[in-house]
Amino acid sequence: MKMLHSDTHIYVGVIFGYARKPTVPGWALKQWKGVPPGGRGHYAWRVPCIEMMFDVTARREHYHWLVANIADVHLSAHCRAYRTGRTGGYWRPGVRFAFDLGPSAGTFEASIPLADLCEKPPCAGDVWGFQAYRSKMGTFGVFSGTYDLVGGEHATREFGRIVFE
C-alpha cells in the first residue's frame, strides 16, 4: 500500500494478489443494478473490496469508514468508538476509485477529498489513525499497522498510524 496527499486529496494505491480472480456474484449485480458507477450501495462489503477507516483525530472516538468494491460500488459511514462499534450516520465523500484485476494480481487506487475528512488539510507532523484491509465476507487481509481485528473490524481497539510530512 502507498499513500500520498496534496492540499486537497489523499491518494491510496494497493497491489494485491489472489489464487483465483475475484468476481461479482449475480445477487450483487441485481441489487446494484440502478447504482451508477462509483455510486453508493448497501452491503458493499459483501463482495471483494478494500475497506479503509480514517480517524482524523487519532483518538479513536469516531472515524470515517469507506468500502470500495470490485463491482464499482462504495459504502461510507461515520462510525463511533470501538466500544459501541456502530455506525453513526452516512458520510457522502466525493471519492473516486478503480480496481484493475489481472489473472493473478490486481490494483486498487482511490482519491479522497480531504474536505470530506477534515476541516483543514493536515500539517507536517499531524497524526491520523488508519486501518485498511482487503475483505471478502468473513476473511480479512490486513495492510495497516493494526494490532487486532478481535470482535470484527469495527471493534478493533487500535488503528495503524499515518504521520503527515
N, C-alpha and C. Protein backbone atom coordinates (compact mmCIF):
# COMPACT_ATOMS: atom_id res chain seq x y z
N MET A 1 0.85 -1.17 0.00
CA MET A 1 0.00 0.00 0.00
C MET A 1 0.90 1.23 0.00
N LYS A 2 0.51 2.21 -0.80
CA LYS A 2 1.19 3.51 -0.82
C LYS A 2 0.14 4.59 -0.67
N MET A 3 0.51 5.65 0.04
CA MET A 3 -0.38 6.78 0.22
C MET A 3 0.38 8.06 -0.05
N LEU A 4 -0.30 8.98 -0.70
CA LEU A 4 0.23 10.32 -0.94
C LEU A 4 -0.88 11.30 -0.59
N HIS A 5 -0.50 12.55 -0.41
CA HIS A 5 -1.54 13.56 -0.21
C HIS A 5 -1.10 14.88 -0.83
N SER A 6 -2.09 15.65 -1.21
CA SER A 6 -1.87 17.01 -1.70
C SER A 6 -2.62 17.92 -0.74
N ASP A 7 -2.74 19.18 -1.06
CA ASP A 7 -3.52 20.09 -0.22
C ASP A 7 -5.01 19.79 -0.29
N THR A 8 -5.43 19.01 -1.26
CA THR A 8 -6.86 18.77 -1.46
C THR A 8 -7.30 17.31 -1.37
N HIS A 9 -6.39 16.34 -1.53
CA HIS A 9 -6.78 14.93 -1.59
C HIS A 9 -5.79 14.01 -0.89
N ILE A 10 -6.30 12.84 -0.51
CA ILE A 10 -5.46 11.71 -0.12
C ILE A 10 -5.59 10.70 -1.25
N TYR A 11 -4.46 10.13 -1.64
CA TYR A 11 -4.42 9.13 -2.71
C TYR A 11 -3.92 7.82 -2.10
N VAL A 12 -4.62 6.74 -2.39
CA VAL A 12 -4.27 5.42 -1.86
C VAL A 12 -4.08 4.47 -3.04
N GLY A 13 -3.03 3.69 -2.99
CA GLY A 13 -2.79 2.67 -4.01
C GLY A 13 -2.41 1.36 -3.34
N VAL A 14 -3.00 0.26 -3.81
CA VAL A 14 -2.75 -1.06 -3.25
C VAL A 14 -2.52 -2.04 -4.39
N ILE A 15 -1.51 -2.89 -4.24
CA ILE A 15 -1.29 -4.02 -5.14
C ILE A 15 -1.56 -5.27 -4.32
N PHE A 16 -2.37 -6.17 -4.84
CA PHE A 16 -2.71 -7.39 -4.09
C PHE A 16 -2.76 -8.58 -5.03
N GLY A 17 -2.51 -9.77 -4.48
CA GLY A 17 -2.54 -10.99 -5.27
C GLY A 17 -3.69 -11.88 -4.84
N TYR A 18 -3.96 -12.91 -5.65
CA TYR A 18 -5.01 -13.87 -5.33
C TYR A 18 -4.75 -15.16 -6.10
N ALA A 19 -5.25 -16.26 -5.55
CA ALA A 19 -5.11 -17.55 -6.21
C ALA A 19 -6.13 -17.68 -7.34
N ARG A 20 -7.32 -17.12 -7.12
CA ARG A 20 -8.38 -17.15 -8.14
C ARG A 20 -8.92 -15.74 -8.29
N LYS A 21 -9.05 -15.30 -9.52
CA LYS A 21 -9.51 -13.94 -9.80
C LYS A 21 -10.89 -13.71 -9.17
N PRO A 22 -11.05 -12.62 -8.37
CA PRO A 22 -12.35 -12.35 -7.75
C PRO A 22 -13.41 -11.95 -8.77
N THR A 23 -14.63 -12.33 -8.48
CA THR A 23 -15.76 -11.99 -9.36
C THR A 23 -16.91 -11.42 -8.53
N VAL A 24 -17.84 -10.78 -9.20
CA VAL A 24 -19.02 -10.22 -8.55
C VAL A 24 -20.15 -11.24 -8.69
N PRO A 25 -20.75 -11.66 -7.55
CA PRO A 25 -21.84 -12.63 -7.63
C PRO A 25 -23.09 -12.03 -8.28
N GLY A 26 -23.92 -12.90 -8.86
CA GLY A 26 -25.13 -12.46 -9.55
C GLY A 26 -26.08 -11.66 -8.67
N TRP A 27 -26.24 -12.05 -7.38
CA TRP A 27 -27.15 -11.32 -6.50
C TRP A 27 -26.72 -9.86 -6.36
N ALA A 28 -25.40 -9.62 -6.33
CA ALA A 28 -24.91 -8.25 -6.17
C ALA A 28 -25.18 -7.42 -7.42
N LEU A 29 -25.02 -8.03 -8.59
CA LEU A 29 -25.31 -7.30 -9.82
C LEU A 29 -26.78 -6.88 -9.88
N LYS A 30 -27.67 -7.75 -9.41
CA LYS A 30 -29.10 -7.42 -9.38
C LYS A 30 -29.38 -6.32 -8.36
N GLN A 31 -28.78 -6.45 -7.18
CA GLN A 31 -29.03 -5.48 -6.11
C GLN A 31 -28.57 -4.08 -6.49
N TRP A 32 -27.45 -3.97 -7.18
CA TRP A 32 -26.87 -2.67 -7.50
C TRP A 32 -27.15 -2.25 -8.94
N LYS A 33 -28.14 -2.84 -9.58
CA LYS A 33 -28.45 -2.57 -10.98
C LYS A 33 -28.64 -1.07 -11.25
N GLY A 34 -29.32 -0.35 -10.38
CA GLY A 34 -29.58 1.08 -10.60
C GLY A 34 -28.53 2.02 -10.04
N VAL A 35 -27.45 1.47 -9.45
CA VAL A 35 -26.40 2.29 -8.86
C VAL A 35 -25.43 2.72 -9.95
N PRO A 36 -25.21 4.02 -10.12
CA PRO A 36 -24.25 4.46 -11.15
C PRO A 36 -22.83 4.05 -10.78
N PRO A 37 -21.93 3.91 -11.76
CA PRO A 37 -20.54 3.56 -11.46
C PRO A 37 -19.95 4.50 -10.41
N GLY A 38 -19.34 3.92 -9.40
CA GLY A 38 -18.76 4.70 -8.30
C GLY A 38 -19.79 5.15 -7.29
N GLY A 39 -21.05 4.76 -7.48
CA GLY A 39 -22.13 5.18 -6.59
C GLY A 39 -22.17 4.40 -5.29
N ARG A 40 -23.08 4.82 -4.42
CA ARG A 40 -23.20 4.26 -3.09
C ARG A 40 -24.24 3.14 -3.08
N GLY A 41 -23.88 1.99 -2.48
CA GLY A 41 -24.79 0.86 -2.40
C GLY A 41 -24.65 0.12 -1.08
N HIS A 42 -25.77 -0.31 -0.52
CA HIS A 42 -25.75 -1.09 0.72
C HIS A 42 -25.05 -2.42 0.51
N TYR A 43 -24.48 -2.95 1.58
CA TYR A 43 -23.80 -4.25 1.59
C TYR A 43 -22.60 -4.32 0.65
N ALA A 44 -21.95 -3.21 0.43
CA ALA A 44 -20.79 -3.18 -0.47
C ALA A 44 -19.67 -4.09 0.00
N TRP A 45 -19.59 -4.38 1.29
CA TRP A 45 -18.53 -5.21 1.83
C TRP A 45 -18.77 -6.70 1.56
N ARG A 46 -19.90 -7.07 1.00
CA ARG A 46 -20.22 -8.49 0.81
C ARG A 46 -19.61 -9.08 -0.46
N VAL A 47 -18.90 -8.28 -1.22
CA VAL A 47 -18.14 -8.79 -2.36
C VAL A 47 -16.70 -8.32 -2.17
N PRO A 48 -15.73 -8.88 -2.89
CA PRO A 48 -14.34 -8.48 -2.70
C PRO A 48 -14.18 -6.95 -2.74
N CYS A 49 -13.50 -6.44 -1.72
CA CYS A 49 -13.40 -4.98 -1.58
C CYS A 49 -12.15 -4.59 -0.80
N ILE A 50 -11.89 -3.30 -0.80
CA ILE A 50 -10.90 -2.68 0.07
C ILE A 50 -11.69 -1.83 1.05
N GLU A 51 -11.42 -1.99 2.34
CA GLU A 51 -12.06 -1.18 3.37
C GLU A 51 -11.00 -0.29 4.01
N MET A 52 -11.34 0.99 4.18
CA MET A 52 -10.42 1.94 4.81
C MET A 52 -11.16 2.69 5.90
N MET A 53 -10.47 2.95 6.99
CA MET A 53 -11.03 3.71 8.10
C MET A 53 -10.05 4.83 8.45
N PHE A 54 -10.56 6.04 8.44
CA PHE A 54 -9.75 7.23 8.72
C PHE A 54 -10.21 7.84 10.03
N ASP A 55 -9.31 7.90 11.01
CA ASP A 55 -9.57 8.53 12.31
C ASP A 55 -8.75 9.82 12.35
N VAL A 56 -9.34 10.93 11.94
CA VAL A 56 -8.58 12.17 11.74
C VAL A 56 -8.12 12.81 13.05
N THR A 57 -8.67 12.39 14.19
CA THR A 57 -8.20 12.92 15.47
C THR A 57 -7.19 11.99 16.12
N ALA A 58 -7.09 10.75 15.64
CA ALA A 58 -6.22 9.71 16.20
C ALA A 58 -6.57 9.40 17.65
N ARG A 59 -7.80 9.74 18.07
CA ARG A 59 -8.23 9.46 19.44
C ARG A 59 -9.18 8.27 19.51
N ARG A 60 -9.55 7.74 18.36
CA ARG A 60 -10.42 6.56 18.26
C ARG A 60 -11.81 6.82 18.86
N GLU A 61 -12.26 8.07 18.73
CA GLU A 61 -13.60 8.42 19.20
C GLU A 61 -14.63 8.20 18.09
N HIS A 62 -14.27 8.50 16.88
CA HIS A 62 -15.09 8.19 15.71
C HIS A 62 -14.16 8.15 14.50
N TYR A 63 -14.64 7.59 13.42
CA TYR A 63 -13.82 7.51 12.22
C TYR A 63 -14.72 7.46 11.00
N HIS A 64 -14.13 7.74 9.85
CA HIS A 64 -14.82 7.65 8.57
C HIS A 64 -14.49 6.28 7.98
N TRP A 65 -15.52 5.55 7.63
CA TRP A 65 -15.38 4.20 7.08
C TRP A 65 -15.74 4.24 5.61
N LEU A 66 -14.88 3.70 4.77
CA LEU A 66 -15.11 3.68 3.33
C LEU A 66 -14.85 2.28 2.81
N VAL A 67 -15.83 1.71 2.12
CA VAL A 67 -15.73 0.41 1.48
C VAL A 67 -15.86 0.64 -0.02
N ALA A 68 -14.92 0.17 -0.80
CA ALA A 68 -14.99 0.26 -2.26
C ALA A 68 -14.81 -1.15 -2.81
N ASN A 69 -15.74 -1.59 -3.68
CA ASN A 69 -15.66 -2.98 -4.13
C ASN A 69 -15.45 -3.11 -5.64
N ILE A 70 -15.22 -4.36 -6.06
CA ILE A 70 -14.89 -4.62 -7.46
C ILE A 70 -16.09 -4.45 -8.39
N ALA A 71 -17.30 -4.28 -7.82
CA ALA A 71 -18.49 -4.03 -8.64
C ALA A 71 -18.65 -2.54 -8.92
N ASP A 72 -17.66 -1.73 -8.51
CA ASP A 72 -17.68 -0.27 -8.71
C ASP A 72 -18.78 0.39 -7.88
N VAL A 73 -18.96 -0.13 -6.66
CA VAL A 73 -19.94 0.40 -5.71
C VAL A 73 -19.21 0.70 -4.41
N HIS A 74 -19.60 1.77 -3.71
CA HIS A 74 -18.97 2.05 -2.42
C HIS A 74 -20.04 2.24 -1.34
N LEU A 75 -19.60 2.12 -0.10
CA LEU A 75 -20.42 2.40 1.06
C LEU A 75 -19.58 3.25 2.00
N SER A 76 -20.17 4.24 2.61
CA SER A 76 -19.42 5.09 3.52
C SER A 76 -20.30 5.42 4.73
N ALA A 77 -19.67 5.53 5.90
CA ALA A 77 -20.41 5.85 7.12
C ALA A 77 -19.49 6.48 8.13
N HIS A 78 -20.06 7.24 9.08
CA HIS A 78 -19.34 7.69 10.27
C HIS A 78 -19.52 6.57 11.29
N CYS A 79 -18.45 6.20 11.96
CA CYS A 79 -18.54 5.15 12.98
C CYS A 79 -18.07 5.70 14.31
N ARG A 80 -18.70 5.22 15.37
CA ARG A 80 -18.34 5.64 16.72
C ARG A 80 -17.18 4.79 17.24
N ALA A 81 -16.77 5.08 18.45
CA ALA A 81 -15.63 4.41 19.06
C ALA A 81 -15.84 2.90 19.13
N TYR A 82 -14.74 2.17 19.29
CA TYR A 82 -14.80 0.72 19.27
C TYR A 82 -15.71 0.14 20.33
N ARG A 83 -15.95 0.85 21.41
CA ARG A 83 -16.80 0.31 22.47
C ARG A 83 -18.24 0.09 22.00
N THR A 84 -18.72 0.94 21.11
CA THR A 84 -20.07 0.76 20.59
C THR A 84 -20.05 0.06 19.25
N GLY A 85 -19.07 0.38 18.43
CA GLY A 85 -18.90 -0.31 17.16
C GLY A 85 -20.05 -0.15 16.19
N ARG A 86 -20.84 0.87 16.32
CA ARG A 86 -21.98 1.06 15.43
C ARG A 86 -21.74 2.26 14.52
N THR A 87 -22.40 2.23 13.39
CA THR A 87 -22.29 3.38 12.51
C THR A 87 -23.10 4.53 13.08
N GLY A 88 -22.69 5.75 12.75
CA GLY A 88 -23.35 6.93 13.29
C GLY A 88 -23.87 7.85 12.21
N GLY A 89 -24.28 7.31 11.10
CA GLY A 89 -24.80 8.15 10.03
C GLY A 89 -23.93 8.05 8.79
N TYR A 90 -24.48 8.45 7.69
CA TYR A 90 -23.76 8.33 6.44
C TYR A 90 -22.86 9.52 6.18
N TRP A 91 -21.81 9.24 5.47
CA TRP A 91 -20.81 10.20 5.04
C TRP A 91 -20.83 10.11 3.53
N ARG A 92 -20.90 11.21 2.86
CA ARG A 92 -21.01 11.19 1.39
C ARG A 92 -19.76 11.80 0.76
N PRO A 93 -18.70 11.02 0.71
CA PRO A 93 -17.45 11.56 0.17
C PRO A 93 -17.48 11.66 -1.36
N GLY A 94 -16.70 12.57 -1.87
CA GLY A 94 -16.52 12.69 -3.31
C GLY A 94 -15.42 11.77 -3.79
N VAL A 95 -15.42 10.55 -3.29
CA VAL A 95 -14.36 9.58 -3.58
C VAL A 95 -14.43 9.11 -5.03
N ARG A 96 -13.25 8.88 -5.58
CA ARG A 96 -13.13 8.22 -6.88
C ARG A 96 -12.21 7.03 -6.66
N PHE A 97 -12.58 5.89 -7.22
CA PHE A 97 -11.75 4.71 -7.03
C PHE A 97 -11.83 3.82 -8.27
N ALA A 98 -10.84 2.93 -8.39
CA ALA A 98 -10.81 2.00 -9.51
C ALA A 98 -10.04 0.74 -9.13
N PHE A 99 -10.54 -0.39 -9.58
CA PHE A 99 -9.84 -1.67 -9.47
C PHE A 99 -9.40 -2.07 -10.87
N ASP A 100 -8.25 -2.73 -10.96
CA ASP A 100 -7.79 -3.35 -12.19
C ASP A 100 -7.39 -4.77 -11.81
N LEU A 101 -8.15 -5.75 -12.28
CA LEU A 101 -7.93 -7.14 -11.89
C LEU A 101 -7.29 -7.92 -13.03
N GLY A 102 -6.07 -8.41 -12.77
CA GLY A 102 -5.37 -9.25 -13.74
C GLY A 102 -5.58 -10.72 -13.41
N PRO A 103 -4.87 -11.63 -14.10
CA PRO A 103 -5.07 -13.07 -13.86
C PRO A 103 -4.69 -13.51 -12.44
N SER A 104 -3.64 -12.94 -11.84
CA SER A 104 -3.21 -13.39 -10.50
C SER A 104 -2.97 -12.25 -9.52
N ALA A 105 -3.14 -11.01 -9.97
CA ALA A 105 -2.93 -9.86 -9.09
C ALA A 105 -3.79 -8.70 -9.58
N GLY A 106 -4.03 -7.77 -8.67
CA GLY A 106 -4.83 -6.61 -9.02
C GLY A 106 -4.32 -5.35 -8.34
N THR A 107 -4.86 -4.23 -8.76
CA THR A 107 -4.52 -2.96 -8.13
C THR A 107 -5.82 -2.24 -7.74
N PHE A 108 -5.69 -1.41 -6.74
CA PHE A 108 -6.78 -0.55 -6.29
C PHE A 108 -6.19 0.84 -6.14
N GLU A 109 -6.89 1.84 -6.66
CA GLU A 109 -6.48 3.24 -6.50
C GLU A 109 -7.68 4.04 -6.08
N ALA A 110 -7.46 4.98 -5.13
CA ALA A 110 -8.55 5.84 -4.67
C ALA A 110 -8.05 7.25 -4.48
N SER A 111 -8.92 8.20 -4.72
CA SER A 111 -8.68 9.63 -4.49
C SER A 111 -9.81 10.12 -3.60
N ILE A 112 -9.47 10.61 -2.41
CA ILE A 112 -10.46 11.03 -1.43
C ILE A 112 -10.24 12.50 -1.08
N PRO A 113 -11.23 13.36 -1.31
CA PRO A 113 -11.06 14.78 -0.96
C PRO A 113 -10.85 14.97 0.54
N LEU A 114 -9.81 15.71 0.89
CA LEU A 114 -9.55 15.99 2.31
C LEU A 114 -10.71 16.74 2.96
N ALA A 115 -11.39 17.59 2.19
CA ALA A 115 -12.52 18.35 2.74
C ALA A 115 -13.63 17.42 3.23
N ASP A 116 -13.69 16.19 2.70
CA ASP A 116 -14.68 15.22 3.16
C ASP A 116 -14.26 14.53 4.46
N LEU A 117 -12.99 14.66 4.82
CA LEU A 117 -12.47 14.01 6.03
C LEU A 117 -12.24 14.97 7.19
N CYS A 118 -11.84 16.20 6.89
CA CYS A 118 -11.44 17.12 7.95
C CYS A 118 -11.69 18.56 7.52
N GLU A 119 -11.66 19.48 8.49
CA GLU A 119 -11.94 20.89 8.20
C GLU A 119 -10.80 21.60 7.50
N LYS A 120 -9.56 21.21 7.83
CA LYS A 120 -8.40 21.83 7.19
C LYS A 120 -7.39 20.74 6.85
N PRO A 121 -6.61 20.94 5.80
CA PRO A 121 -5.63 19.92 5.41
C PRO A 121 -4.64 19.65 6.55
N PRO A 122 -4.17 18.42 6.65
CA PRO A 122 -3.18 18.10 7.68
C PRO A 122 -1.87 18.82 7.45
N CYS A 123 -1.20 19.14 8.55
CA CYS A 123 0.12 19.78 8.50
C CYS A 123 1.20 18.74 8.78
N ALA A 124 2.43 19.09 8.49
CA ALA A 124 3.55 18.20 8.78
C ALA A 124 3.53 17.86 10.26
N GLY A 125 3.65 16.58 10.56
CA GLY A 125 3.65 16.11 11.94
C GLY A 125 2.28 15.69 12.46
N ASP A 126 1.18 16.04 11.76
CA ASP A 126 -0.15 15.60 12.18
C ASP A 126 -0.23 14.07 12.08
N VAL A 127 -0.95 13.48 13.01
CA VAL A 127 -1.10 12.02 13.05
C VAL A 127 -2.58 11.67 12.97
N TRP A 128 -2.91 10.75 12.08
CA TRP A 128 -4.26 10.20 11.97
C TRP A 128 -4.19 8.71 12.25
N GLY A 129 -5.27 8.15 12.76
CA GLY A 129 -5.40 6.71 12.83
C GLY A 129 -5.85 6.21 11.47
N PHE A 130 -5.41 5.02 11.10
CA PHE A 130 -5.78 4.48 9.78
C PHE A 130 -5.82 2.97 9.84
N GLN A 131 -6.82 2.41 9.21
CA GLN A 131 -6.99 0.98 9.11
C GLN A 131 -7.34 0.68 7.65
N ALA A 132 -6.74 -0.32 7.08
CA ALA A 132 -7.09 -0.71 5.72
C ALA A 132 -6.89 -2.20 5.57
N TYR A 133 -7.79 -2.82 4.85
CA TYR A 133 -7.63 -4.23 4.57
C TYR A 133 -8.45 -4.64 3.37
N ARG A 134 -8.05 -5.74 2.80
CA ARG A 134 -8.80 -6.36 1.71
C ARG A 134 -9.78 -7.31 2.38
N SER A 135 -11.01 -7.30 1.94
CA SER A 135 -12.02 -8.07 2.63
C SER A 135 -12.94 -8.78 1.66
N LYS A 136 -13.33 -9.97 2.04
CA LYS A 136 -14.44 -10.66 1.38
C LYS A 136 -15.17 -11.40 2.48
N MET A 137 -16.37 -11.02 2.75
CA MET A 137 -17.23 -11.58 3.78
C MET A 137 -16.57 -12.71 4.58
N GLY A 138 -16.15 -12.42 5.79
CA GLY A 138 -15.59 -13.44 6.67
C GLY A 138 -14.10 -13.64 6.59
N THR A 139 -13.40 -12.95 5.67
CA THR A 139 -11.95 -13.07 5.60
C THR A 139 -11.33 -11.68 5.63
N PHE A 140 -10.20 -11.57 6.28
CA PHE A 140 -9.54 -10.27 6.39
C PHE A 140 -8.07 -10.41 6.02
N GLY A 141 -7.57 -9.48 5.23
CA GLY A 141 -6.14 -9.39 4.95
C GLY A 141 -5.72 -8.00 5.35
N VAL A 142 -5.00 -7.87 6.43
CA VAL A 142 -4.71 -6.56 7.00
C VAL A 142 -3.48 -5.95 6.34
N PHE A 143 -3.60 -4.68 5.90
CA PHE A 143 -2.49 -3.97 5.28
C PHE A 143 -1.85 -2.94 6.21
N SER A 144 -2.58 -2.44 7.20
CA SER A 144 -2.03 -1.37 8.04
C SER A 144 -1.43 -1.95 9.31
N GLY A 145 -0.94 -1.08 10.17
CA GLY A 145 -0.31 -1.50 11.42
C GLY A 145 -1.34 -1.82 12.47
N THR A 146 -2.32 -2.62 12.15
CA THR A 146 -3.39 -2.96 13.07
C THR A 146 -2.90 -3.93 14.12
N TYR A 147 -3.36 -3.73 15.35
CA TYR A 147 -2.97 -4.62 16.44
C TYR A 147 -3.85 -5.86 16.48
N ASP A 148 -5.12 -5.71 16.15
CA ASP A 148 -6.01 -6.87 16.16
C ASP A 148 -7.26 -6.58 15.35
N LEU A 149 -7.98 -7.63 15.03
CA LEU A 149 -9.31 -7.50 14.45
C LEU A 149 -10.28 -8.28 15.33
N VAL A 150 -9.97 -8.36 16.63
CA VAL A 150 -10.81 -9.08 17.57
C VAL A 150 -12.18 -8.43 17.63
N GLY A 151 -13.21 -9.20 17.45
CA GLY A 151 -14.57 -8.68 17.51
C GLY A 151 -15.03 -8.06 16.20
N GLY A 152 -14.22 -8.14 15.15
CA GLY A 152 -14.58 -7.56 13.87
C GLY A 152 -13.92 -6.22 13.66
N GLU A 153 -14.00 -5.74 12.43
CA GLU A 153 -13.28 -4.52 12.07
C GLU A 153 -13.74 -3.29 12.84
N HIS A 154 -15.00 -3.21 13.24
CA HIS A 154 -15.48 -2.04 13.97
C HIS A 154 -15.21 -2.14 15.46
N ALA A 155 -14.71 -3.27 15.92
CA ALA A 155 -14.40 -3.43 17.34
C ALA A 155 -12.90 -3.33 17.59
N THR A 156 -12.12 -3.11 16.56
CA THR A 156 -10.67 -3.02 16.70
C THR A 156 -10.29 -1.89 17.65
N ARG A 157 -9.47 -2.19 18.61
CA ARG A 157 -9.10 -1.20 19.63
C ARG A 157 -8.02 -0.23 19.17
N GLU A 158 -7.20 -0.66 18.25
CA GLU A 158 -6.09 0.17 17.79
C GLU A 158 -6.10 0.27 16.27
N PHE A 159 -5.71 1.42 15.77
CA PHE A 159 -5.51 1.59 14.33
C PHE A 159 -4.02 1.76 14.09
N GLY A 160 -3.65 1.57 12.83
CA GLY A 160 -2.30 1.96 12.43
C GLY A 160 -2.23 3.49 12.44
N ARG A 161 -1.10 4.04 12.06
CA ARG A 161 -0.90 5.49 12.11
C ARG A 161 -0.47 6.03 10.75
N ILE A 162 -0.99 7.21 10.42
CA ILE A 162 -0.48 7.98 9.30
C ILE A 162 0.17 9.22 9.92
N VAL A 163 1.43 9.46 9.62
CA VAL A 163 2.11 10.67 10.07
C VAL A 163 2.39 11.49 8.82
N PHE A 164 1.83 12.70 8.75
CA PHE A 164 1.98 13.53 7.57
C PHE A 164 3.32 14.23 7.56
N GLU A 165 3.90 14.34 6.35
CA GLU A 165 5.18 15.04 6.18
C GLU A 165 4.93 16.41 5.57
